[in-house]
Amino acid sequence: MRRFLLSLSTLAIIAGVAHAGPVEDREALMKERGRLMGELGKMAKGEVAFDAAATLAALQTLQANAEKGLDVDGLWPAGSQGDTEASPKIWEDNAGFKAESEKYKSVVDAAVASAPADVAGLQAAMGSMGQECAACHQTYRVKK
């Protein structure tokens, strides 16, 4: 049932993203990423019971999300900064930003490939993914 609900919510997000502009698309992408990391974080902290199937489903959704995030030119086109948390460094160092996106995707791919079988495994995966999120945010995100 959890997989069905995750799939349904993912499809709803994808459908909504398909009709938005680049700013809305990337904000939806990042909000989904944050929501999924939050769900996994609750399991990693022991706030909710570890569920291997739910963990794998969330990681697979993060993987699809990360794949969409590789479309840097489509999601962060020139002139699309607006009133967002996107740092001008995204456009000044586009190659570096793309490299960060690829690093994050590879870490998520690794987490899916060796899906955590227990809380310790999830904590390790969360540590790696969190480091990549933090590295990118430190350089390419402006806190409002």
N, C-alpha and C. Protein backbone atom coordinates (compact mmCIF):
# COMPACT_ATOMS: atom_id res chain seq x y z
N MET A 1 0.81 -1.19 0.00
CA MET A 1 0.00 0.00 0.00
C MET A 1 0.87 1.26 0.00
N ARG A 2 1.96 1.23 0.76
CA ARG A 2 2.86 2.39 0.80
C ARG A 2 3.46 2.66 -0.57
N ARG A 3 3.86 1.60 -1.26
CA ARG A 3 4.43 1.77 -2.60
C ARG A 3 3.41 2.40 -3.53
N PHE A 4 2.16 1.93 -3.43
CA PHE A 4 1.10 2.48 -4.27
C PHE A 4 0.94 3.97 -4.00
N LEU A 5 0.90 4.35 -2.72
CA LEU A 5 0.72 5.76 -2.37
C LEU A 5 1.91 6.59 -2.80
N LEU A 6 3.12 6.06 -2.63
CA LEU A 6 4.31 6.77 -3.08
C LEU A 6 4.28 6.96 -4.59
N SER A 7 3.91 5.91 -5.30
CA SER A 7 3.83 5.99 -6.76
C SER A 7 2.79 7.00 -7.19
N LEU A 8 1.65 6.97 -6.52
CA LEU A 8 0.56 7.89 -6.86
C LEU A 8 0.98 9.34 -6.59
N SER A 9 1.64 9.58 -5.45
CA SER A 9 2.07 10.95 -5.16
C SER A 9 3.15 11.40 -6.13
N THR A 10 4.03 10.49 -6.52
CA THR A 10 5.07 10.82 -7.49
C THR A 10 4.45 11.19 -8.83
N LEU A 11 3.47 10.41 -9.27
CA LEU A 11 2.79 10.72 -10.53
C LEU A 11 2.09 12.07 -10.47
N ALA A 12 1.49 12.37 -9.33
CA ALA A 12 0.81 13.66 -9.18
C ALA A 12 1.81 14.80 -9.27
N ILE A 13 2.97 14.62 -8.65
CA ILE A 13 4.01 15.66 -8.70
C ILE A 13 4.51 15.82 -10.12
N ILE A 14 4.75 14.70 -10.79
CA ILE A 14 5.24 14.75 -12.17
C ILE A 14 4.22 15.45 -13.06
N ALA A 15 2.95 15.13 -12.90
CA ALA A 15 1.90 15.76 -13.71
C ALA A 15 1.85 17.26 -13.44
N GLY A 16 1.99 17.65 -12.20
CA GLY A 16 1.99 19.06 -11.86
C GLY A 16 3.21 19.78 -12.39
N VAL A 17 4.35 19.12 -12.34
CA VAL A 17 5.59 19.70 -12.81
C VAL A 17 5.55 19.90 -14.32
N ALA A 18 4.89 19.02 -15.03
CA ALA A 18 4.85 19.08 -16.48
C ALA A 18 4.19 20.37 -16.97
N HIS A 19 3.36 21.02 -16.16
CA HIS A 19 2.64 22.20 -16.61
C HIS A 19 3.16 23.48 -15.97
N ALA A 20 4.24 23.44 -15.28
CA ALA A 20 4.77 24.61 -14.60
C ALA A 20 5.98 25.15 -15.37
N GLY A 21 6.51 26.26 -14.90
CA GLY A 21 7.73 26.82 -15.49
C GLY A 21 8.95 26.28 -14.78
N PRO A 22 10.14 26.70 -15.22
CA PRO A 22 11.37 26.14 -14.62
C PRO A 22 11.52 26.43 -13.13
N VAL A 23 11.12 27.61 -12.68
CA VAL A 23 11.24 27.93 -11.25
C VAL A 23 10.33 27.01 -10.44
N GLU A 24 9.08 26.89 -10.88
CA GLU A 24 8.13 26.03 -10.17
C GLU A 24 8.56 24.57 -10.25
N ASP A 25 9.08 24.17 -11.40
CA ASP A 25 9.53 22.78 -11.57
C ASP A 25 10.65 22.43 -10.61
N ARG A 26 11.64 23.31 -10.53
CA ARG A 26 12.78 23.00 -9.66
C ARG A 26 12.39 23.11 -8.19
N GLU A 27 11.51 24.04 -7.85
CA GLU A 27 11.06 24.13 -6.46
C GLU A 27 10.28 22.88 -6.07
N ALA A 28 9.44 22.38 -6.96
CA ALA A 28 8.70 21.15 -6.68
C ALA A 28 9.65 19.98 -6.53
N LEU A 29 10.68 19.94 -7.36
CA LEU A 29 11.68 18.88 -7.30
C LEU A 29 12.40 18.89 -5.95
N MET A 30 12.82 20.07 -5.51
CA MET A 30 13.54 20.18 -4.25
C MET A 30 12.63 19.92 -3.05
N LYS A 31 11.38 20.34 -3.13
CA LYS A 31 10.44 20.06 -2.04
C LYS A 31 10.20 18.56 -1.92
N GLU A 32 10.08 17.88 -3.05
CA GLU A 32 9.90 16.43 -3.02
C GLU A 32 11.14 15.78 -2.42
N ARG A 33 12.31 16.25 -2.82
CA ARG A 33 13.56 15.71 -2.29
C ARG A 33 13.61 15.89 -0.77
N GLY A 34 13.26 17.06 -0.30
CA GLY A 34 13.26 17.33 1.13
C GLY A 34 12.26 16.47 1.89
N ARG A 35 11.08 16.30 1.30
CA ARG A 35 10.05 15.48 1.95
C ARG A 35 10.51 14.03 2.07
N LEU A 36 11.10 13.51 1.01
CA LEU A 36 11.57 12.12 1.04
C LEU A 36 12.72 11.95 2.02
N MET A 37 13.65 12.90 2.04
CA MET A 37 14.75 12.82 3.00
C MET A 37 14.22 12.91 4.43
N GLY A 38 13.17 13.71 4.63
CA GLY A 38 12.55 13.80 5.95
C GLY A 38 11.93 12.49 6.38
N GLU A 39 11.24 11.82 5.46
CA GLU A 39 10.63 10.52 5.77
C GLU A 39 11.71 9.50 6.11
N LEU A 40 12.77 9.46 5.31
CA LEU A 40 13.86 8.53 5.59
C LEU A 40 14.57 8.89 6.89
N GLY A 41 14.70 10.18 7.15
CA GLY A 41 15.34 10.63 8.37
C GLY A 41 14.60 10.18 9.62
N LYS A 42 13.28 10.16 9.56
CA LYS A 42 12.50 9.69 10.72
C LYS A 42 12.80 8.22 11.00
N MET A 43 12.96 7.43 9.95
CA MET A 43 13.31 6.02 10.15
C MET A 43 14.73 5.90 10.68
N ALA A 44 15.65 6.69 10.11
CA ALA A 44 17.05 6.63 10.53
C ALA A 44 17.22 7.03 11.99
N LYS A 45 16.38 7.95 12.47
CA LYS A 45 16.44 8.40 13.87
C LYS A 45 15.66 7.51 14.82
N GLY A 46 14.91 6.55 14.27
CA GLY A 46 14.11 5.68 15.11
C GLY A 46 12.78 6.28 15.53
N GLU A 47 12.40 7.39 14.90
CA GLU A 47 11.11 8.02 15.22
C GLU A 47 9.94 7.21 14.68
N VAL A 48 10.19 6.47 13.60
CA VAL A 48 9.22 5.51 13.06
C VAL A 48 9.98 4.22 12.81
N ALA A 49 9.25 3.12 12.81
CA ALA A 49 9.87 1.81 12.64
C ALA A 49 10.52 1.69 11.25
N PHE A 50 11.67 1.06 11.22
CA PHE A 50 12.35 0.81 9.94
C PHE A 50 11.51 -0.13 9.10
N ASP A 51 11.36 0.20 7.83
CA ASP A 51 10.61 -0.62 6.88
C ASP A 51 11.45 -0.68 5.61
N ALA A 52 12.03 -1.84 5.34
CA ALA A 52 12.93 -1.99 4.19
C ALA A 52 12.24 -1.68 2.88
N ALA A 53 11.00 -2.12 2.72
CA ALA A 53 10.28 -1.88 1.46
C ALA A 53 9.99 -0.38 1.28
N ALA A 54 9.58 0.29 2.34
CA ALA A 54 9.30 1.72 2.26
C ALA A 54 10.60 2.51 2.02
N THR A 55 11.68 2.03 2.62
CA THR A 55 12.98 2.67 2.42
C THR A 55 13.39 2.58 0.96
N LEU A 56 13.30 1.39 0.40
CA LEU A 56 13.67 1.21 -1.00
C LEU A 56 12.77 2.04 -1.92
N ALA A 57 11.49 2.06 -1.65
CA ALA A 57 10.56 2.85 -2.47
C ALA A 57 10.92 4.34 -2.42
N ALA A 58 11.23 4.84 -1.23
CA ALA A 58 11.60 6.25 -1.09
C ALA A 58 12.92 6.53 -1.81
N LEU A 59 13.88 5.61 -1.68
CA LEU A 59 15.16 5.79 -2.37
C LEU A 59 14.98 5.76 -3.89
N GLN A 60 14.11 4.90 -4.38
CA GLN A 60 13.86 4.84 -5.82
C GLN A 60 13.19 6.11 -6.31
N THR A 61 12.31 6.68 -5.49
CA THR A 61 11.69 7.95 -5.85
C THR A 61 12.73 9.07 -5.84
N LEU A 62 13.64 9.03 -4.86
CA LEU A 62 14.75 10.00 -4.84
C LEU A 62 15.63 9.84 -6.07
N GLN A 63 15.81 8.61 -6.50
CA GLN A 63 16.63 8.34 -7.68
C GLN A 63 15.98 8.97 -8.93
N ALA A 64 14.68 8.79 -9.08
CA ALA A 64 13.96 9.41 -10.20
C ALA A 64 14.03 10.93 -10.11
N ASN A 65 13.91 11.44 -8.89
CA ASN A 65 14.00 12.88 -8.65
C ASN A 65 15.38 13.39 -9.04
N ALA A 66 16.43 12.67 -8.63
CA ALA A 66 17.80 13.07 -8.95
C ALA A 66 18.04 13.04 -10.46
N GLU A 67 17.45 12.08 -11.13
CA GLU A 67 17.57 11.99 -12.59
C GLU A 67 16.96 13.24 -13.23
N LYS A 68 15.78 13.64 -12.76
CA LYS A 68 15.15 14.86 -13.29
C LYS A 68 16.02 16.08 -13.00
N GLY A 69 16.69 16.07 -11.84
CA GLY A 69 17.54 17.19 -11.46
C GLY A 69 18.76 17.35 -12.32
N LEU A 70 19.10 16.34 -13.09
CA LEU A 70 20.25 16.44 -14.00
C LEU A 70 19.96 17.36 -15.19
N ASP A 71 18.69 17.69 -15.40
CA ASP A 71 18.31 18.60 -16.48
C ASP A 71 18.56 20.04 -16.02
N VAL A 72 19.82 20.34 -15.77
CA VAL A 72 20.20 21.66 -15.25
C VAL A 72 19.79 22.76 -16.22
N ASP A 73 20.01 22.55 -17.51
CA ASP A 73 19.69 23.60 -18.48
C ASP A 73 18.18 23.86 -18.55
N GLY A 74 17.37 22.83 -18.37
CA GLY A 74 15.92 23.00 -18.41
C GLY A 74 15.34 23.56 -17.12
N LEU A 75 15.93 23.18 -15.98
CA LEU A 75 15.41 23.62 -14.68
C LEU A 75 15.99 24.95 -14.21
N TRP A 76 17.21 25.25 -14.62
CA TRP A 76 17.88 26.48 -14.23
C TRP A 76 18.35 27.23 -15.48
N PRO A 77 17.43 27.56 -16.39
CA PRO A 77 17.86 28.28 -17.59
C PRO A 77 18.32 29.69 -17.24
N ALA A 78 19.14 30.26 -18.08
CA ALA A 78 19.63 31.62 -17.86
C ALA A 78 18.44 32.56 -17.65
N GLY A 79 18.57 33.43 -16.66
CA GLY A 79 17.53 34.41 -16.39
C GLY A 79 16.38 33.92 -15.54
N SER A 80 16.49 32.74 -14.96
CA SER A 80 15.37 32.20 -14.19
C SER A 80 15.58 32.25 -12.68
N GLN A 81 16.51 33.08 -12.22
CA GLN A 81 16.75 33.12 -10.78
C GLN A 81 15.53 33.62 -10.03
N GLY A 82 15.02 34.76 -10.38
CA GLY A 82 13.84 35.29 -9.71
C GLY A 82 14.05 35.45 -8.22
N ASP A 83 12.95 35.46 -7.47
CA ASP A 83 13.00 35.59 -6.01
C ASP A 83 13.01 34.19 -5.41
N THR A 84 14.14 33.50 -5.55
CA THR A 84 14.27 32.12 -5.10
C THR A 84 15.52 31.97 -4.25
N GLU A 85 15.75 30.76 -3.80
CA GLU A 85 16.96 30.46 -3.03
C GLU A 85 18.12 30.04 -3.92
N ALA A 86 17.91 30.07 -5.22
CA ALA A 86 18.98 29.71 -6.16
C ALA A 86 20.04 30.80 -6.16
N SER A 87 21.27 30.40 -5.90
CA SER A 87 22.38 31.35 -5.87
C SER A 87 22.80 31.71 -7.30
N PRO A 88 23.24 32.95 -7.51
CA PRO A 88 23.75 33.32 -8.83
C PRO A 88 24.92 32.43 -9.27
N LYS A 89 25.55 31.76 -8.31
CA LYS A 89 26.67 30.89 -8.63
C LYS A 89 26.25 29.73 -9.54
N ILE A 90 24.96 29.39 -9.53
CA ILE A 90 24.47 28.33 -10.41
C ILE A 90 24.75 28.70 -11.86
N TRP A 91 24.52 29.96 -12.20
CA TRP A 91 24.70 30.40 -13.58
C TRP A 91 26.14 30.83 -13.84
N GLU A 92 26.84 31.27 -12.80
CA GLU A 92 28.24 31.67 -12.95
C GLU A 92 29.14 30.46 -13.10
N ASP A 93 28.81 29.36 -12.42
CA ASP A 93 29.61 28.13 -12.46
C ASP A 93 28.68 26.96 -12.81
N ASN A 94 28.11 27.05 -13.99
CA ASN A 94 27.14 26.05 -14.41
C ASN A 94 27.76 24.66 -14.46
N ALA A 95 29.00 24.54 -14.90
CA ALA A 95 29.66 23.24 -14.98
C ALA A 95 29.83 22.64 -13.58
N GLY A 96 30.19 23.47 -12.60
CA GLY A 96 30.33 22.99 -11.23
C GLY A 96 29.00 22.55 -10.65
N PHE A 97 27.95 23.30 -10.98
CA PHE A 97 26.61 22.94 -10.51
C PHE A 97 26.16 21.60 -11.12
N LYS A 98 26.44 21.43 -12.39
CA LYS A 98 26.10 20.16 -13.04
C LYS A 98 26.87 19.01 -12.40
N ALA A 99 28.13 19.25 -12.08
CA ALA A 99 28.95 18.21 -11.44
C ALA A 99 28.38 17.85 -10.07
N GLU A 100 27.92 18.84 -9.30
CA GLU A 100 27.30 18.56 -8.00
C GLU A 100 26.03 17.73 -8.17
N SER A 101 25.24 18.06 -9.19
CA SER A 101 24.02 17.30 -9.46
C SER A 101 24.34 15.85 -9.78
N GLU A 102 25.40 15.65 -10.55
CA GLU A 102 25.81 14.30 -10.92
C GLU A 102 26.34 13.53 -9.71
N LYS A 103 27.06 14.21 -8.82
CA LYS A 103 27.56 13.55 -7.59
C LYS A 103 26.40 13.09 -6.73
N TYR A 104 25.41 13.96 -6.56
CA TYR A 104 24.24 13.60 -5.76
C TYR A 104 23.55 12.38 -6.38
N LYS A 105 23.36 12.41 -7.68
CA LYS A 105 22.70 11.28 -8.37
C LYS A 105 23.49 10.00 -8.15
N SER A 106 24.80 10.04 -8.20
CA SER A 106 25.60 8.82 -8.02
C SER A 106 25.50 8.29 -6.59
N VAL A 107 25.40 9.17 -5.61
CA VAL A 107 25.24 8.74 -4.22
C VAL A 107 23.87 8.09 -4.02
N VAL A 108 22.83 8.68 -4.62
CA VAL A 108 21.49 8.09 -4.52
C VAL A 108 21.46 6.75 -5.26
N ASP A 109 22.09 6.68 -6.42
CA ASP A 109 22.16 5.42 -7.16
C ASP A 109 22.81 4.32 -6.32
N ALA A 110 23.88 4.68 -5.61
CA ALA A 110 24.58 3.72 -4.75
C ALA A 110 23.67 3.25 -3.61
N ALA A 111 22.89 4.17 -3.06
CA ALA A 111 21.98 3.80 -1.96
C ALA A 111 20.91 2.84 -2.46
N VAL A 112 20.42 3.04 -3.67
CA VAL A 112 19.42 2.14 -4.24
C VAL A 112 20.06 0.79 -4.56
N ALA A 113 21.26 0.81 -5.12
CA ALA A 113 21.94 -0.43 -5.52
C ALA A 113 22.21 -1.34 -4.33
N SER A 114 22.52 -0.75 -3.19
CA SER A 114 22.74 -1.55 -1.98
C SER A 114 21.72 -1.11 -0.94
N ALA A 115 20.47 -1.37 -1.27
CA ALA A 115 19.35 -0.91 -0.44
C ALA A 115 19.57 -1.30 1.02
N PRO A 116 19.43 -0.34 1.92
CA PRO A 116 19.63 -0.61 3.34
C PRO A 116 18.68 -1.69 3.86
N ALA A 117 19.25 -2.64 4.58
CA ALA A 117 18.47 -3.74 5.15
C ALA A 117 18.13 -3.49 6.61
N ASP A 118 18.71 -2.42 7.17
CA ASP A 118 18.45 -2.11 8.58
C ASP A 118 18.70 -0.63 8.82
N VAL A 119 18.46 -0.20 10.06
CA VAL A 119 18.61 1.20 10.41
C VAL A 119 20.05 1.67 10.20
N ALA A 120 21.01 0.86 10.56
CA ALA A 120 22.42 1.26 10.40
C ALA A 120 22.75 1.52 8.92
N GLY A 121 22.25 0.67 8.05
CA GLY A 121 22.47 0.86 6.62
C GLY A 121 21.80 2.13 6.12
N LEU A 122 20.61 2.40 6.61
CA LEU A 122 19.89 3.61 6.23
C LEU A 122 20.64 4.84 6.74
N GLN A 123 21.15 4.76 7.96
CA GLN A 123 21.89 5.90 8.51
C GLN A 123 23.13 6.20 7.67
N ALA A 124 23.82 5.16 7.23
CA ALA A 124 25.00 5.35 6.38
C ALA A 124 24.60 6.00 5.05
N ALA A 125 23.53 5.51 4.45
CA ALA A 125 23.07 6.08 3.18
C ALA A 125 22.64 7.53 3.37
N MET A 126 21.93 7.80 4.46
CA MET A 126 21.48 9.16 4.74
C MET A 126 22.67 10.10 4.95
N GLY A 127 23.72 9.58 5.59
CA GLY A 127 24.92 10.39 5.79
C GLY A 127 25.54 10.81 4.48
N SER A 128 25.67 9.86 3.56
CA SER A 128 26.26 10.17 2.25
C SER A 128 25.39 11.13 1.46
N MET A 129 24.09 10.88 1.44
CA MET A 129 23.19 11.76 0.69
C MET A 129 23.15 13.15 1.32
N GLY A 130 23.11 13.19 2.64
CA GLY A 130 23.09 14.47 3.34
C GLY A 130 24.33 15.30 3.09
N GLN A 131 25.49 14.65 3.02
CA GLN A 131 26.73 15.37 2.72
C GLN A 131 26.67 16.01 1.35
N GLU A 132 26.12 15.28 0.37
CA GLU A 132 26.01 15.84 -0.97
C GLU A 132 25.02 16.99 -1.02
N CYS A 133 23.91 16.84 -0.32
CA CYS A 133 22.93 17.94 -0.26
C CYS A 133 23.58 19.19 0.35
N ALA A 134 24.27 19.01 1.46
CA ALA A 134 24.90 20.12 2.16
C ALA A 134 25.97 20.78 1.31
N ALA A 135 26.77 20.00 0.61
CA ALA A 135 27.83 20.55 -0.23
C ALA A 135 27.25 21.44 -1.32
N CYS A 136 26.18 20.98 -1.94
CA CYS A 136 25.55 21.76 -3.00
C CYS A 136 24.89 23.02 -2.43
N HIS A 137 24.17 22.86 -1.32
CA HIS A 137 23.49 24.01 -0.73
C HIS A 137 24.48 25.07 -0.27
N GLN A 138 25.63 24.65 0.22
CA GLN A 138 26.61 25.60 0.72
C GLN A 138 27.06 26.55 -0.40
N THR A 139 27.19 26.03 -1.59
CA THR A 139 27.69 26.84 -2.69
C THR A 139 26.58 27.42 -3.56
N TYR A 140 25.53 26.66 -3.79
CA TYR A 140 24.55 27.03 -4.81
C TYR A 140 23.16 27.40 -4.28
N ARG A 141 23.06 27.65 -2.99
CA ARG A 141 21.77 28.03 -2.42
C ARG A 141 21.95 29.25 -1.54
N VAL A 142 21.01 30.18 -1.63
CA VAL A 142 21.01 31.38 -0.81
C VAL A 142 19.88 31.20 0.20
N LYS A 143 20.21 31.27 1.47
CA LYS A 143 19.19 31.18 2.51
C LYS A 143 18.42 32.49 2.58
N LYS A 144 17.12 32.37 2.61
CA LYS A 144 16.26 33.58 2.71
C LYS A 144 15.83 33.77 4.14
